[in-house]
Amino acid sequence: MLAVTPDGSKVYVTNYGSANVSVIVTATGTVSATIGVGVNPRDVAVTPDGAYVYVANYGAGTISVIDVADESIVTTIPGIAAPNGIVFKP
């Protein structure tokens, strides 16, 4: 799965078998970061303000929250049985 920041500058792609997310800079098409998340990241969504990315880690039963500004995990939300999707409602 993938999600695009509201300004279109970055794309976040889940790597299901690798327990990470790739960050692609759209202007260059290059991977700027690979961020470790939980096991089997399945879905990804960017908050409407573009500040955070939420990743549903299906195999880990967690949600990873990434800070877009510095490409780091700010928190991991535990205790979610097989999260399979994330949607933000503006």
Protein backbone atom coordinates (compact mmCIF):
# COMPACT_ATOMS: atom_id res chain seq x y z
CA MET A 1 0.00 0.00 0.00
CA LEU A 2 1.04 3.60 -0.36
CA ALA A 3 0.08 7.07 0.82
CA VAL A 4 1.01 10.49 -0.53
CA THR A 5 1.56 13.60 1.59
CA PRO A 6 -1.00 16.38 0.98
CA ASP A 7 1.61 18.53 -0.77
CA GLY A 8 2.60 15.61 -3.02
CA SER A 9 6.27 15.77 -2.06
CA LYS A 10 6.58 12.28 -0.54
CA VAL A 11 5.12 8.83 -0.96
CA TYR A 12 5.16 6.29 1.88
CA VAL A 13 5.17 2.64 0.76
CA THR A 14 4.70 -0.33 3.09
CA ASN A 15 7.10 -3.23 2.56
CA TYR A 16 5.00 -6.11 3.86
CA GLY A 17 7.69 -8.78 4.10
CA SER A 18 10.41 -6.45 5.35
CA ALA A 19 8.78 -4.77 8.39
CA ASN A 20 9.57 -1.29 7.09
CA VAL A 21 8.25 1.67 5.13
CA SER A 22 10.08 3.34 2.24
CA VAL A 23 9.87 7.11 1.83
CA ILE A 24 10.08 8.23 -1.79
CA VAL A 25 10.72 11.85 -2.77
CA THR A 26 8.43 12.48 -5.72
CA ALA A 27 10.57 15.21 -7.29
CA THR A 28 13.50 12.84 -7.74
CA GLY A 29 11.91 9.38 -7.49
CA THR A 30 14.53 8.39 -4.92
CA VAL A 31 14.15 6.64 -1.58
CA SER A 32 15.07 9.16 1.11
CA ALA A 33 14.53 6.87 4.09
CA THR A 34 13.57 3.36 5.11
CA ILE A 35 11.82 3.33 8.47
CA GLY A 36 11.51 0.19 10.57
CA VAL A 37 7.95 -0.49 11.76
CA GLY A 38 6.14 -3.58 13.04
CA VAL A 39 5.82 -6.99 11.41
CA ASN A 40 3.88 -7.11 8.13
CA PRO A 41 2.98 -3.45 7.62
CA ARG A 42 -0.14 -3.59 5.51
CA ASP A 43 -1.76 -0.18 5.21
CA VAL A 44 -0.56 3.41 5.52
CA ALA A 45 -2.24 6.82 5.75
CA VAL A 46 -1.05 10.41 6.08
CA THR A 47 -2.86 12.76 8.46
CA PRO A 48 -4.79 15.54 6.68
CA ASP A 49 -2.27 18.14 7.90
CA GLY A 50 0.62 16.06 6.51
CA ALA A 51 2.45 15.95 9.84
CA TYR A 52 2.21 12.23 10.61
CA VAL A 53 1.98 8.88 8.87
CA TYR A 54 0.15 5.97 10.49
CA VAL A 55 1.12 2.42 9.56
CA ALA A 56 -1.05 -0.63 10.31
CA ASN A 57 1.30 -3.47 11.26
CA TYR A 58 -0.89 -6.49 10.60
CA GLY A 59 1.48 -9.13 11.97
CA ALA A 60 2.49 -7.14 15.05
CA GLY A 61 -0.96 -5.98 16.11
CA THR A 62 0.27 -2.40 16.33
CA ILE A 63 0.04 0.99 14.66
CA SER A 64 3.32 2.87 14.10
CA VAL A 65 3.18 6.66 13.98
CA ILE A 66 5.88 8.40 11.91
CA ASP A 67 6.78 12.09 12.18
CA VAL A 68 7.04 13.33 8.59
CA ALA A 69 9.44 16.17 9.51
CA ASP A 70 12.26 13.91 10.70
CA GLU A 71 11.14 10.48 9.41
CA SER A 72 11.17 8.89 12.86
CA ILE A 73 8.75 6.74 14.84
CA VAL A 74 7.12 8.92 17.51
CA THR A 75 4.99 6.21 19.06
CA THR A 76 3.66 2.70 18.57
CA ILE A 77 0.07 1.96 19.52
CA PRO A 78 -0.25 -1.64 20.81
CA GLY A 79 -3.12 -4.04 21.32
CA ILE A 80 -4.90 -3.96 17.97
CA ALA A 81 -5.73 -7.40 16.61
CA ALA A 82 -4.48 -7.65 13.01
CA PRO A 83 -4.94 -4.00 11.94
CA ASN A 84 -5.73 -3.97 8.28
CA GLY A 85 -6.52 -0.40 7.30
CA ILE A 86 -6.32 3.24 8.29
CA VAL A 87 -8.47 6.13 7.13
CA PHE A 88 -8.55 9.76 8.21
CA LYS A 89 -11.78 11.65 7.92
CA PRO A 90 -11.20 15.38 7.45
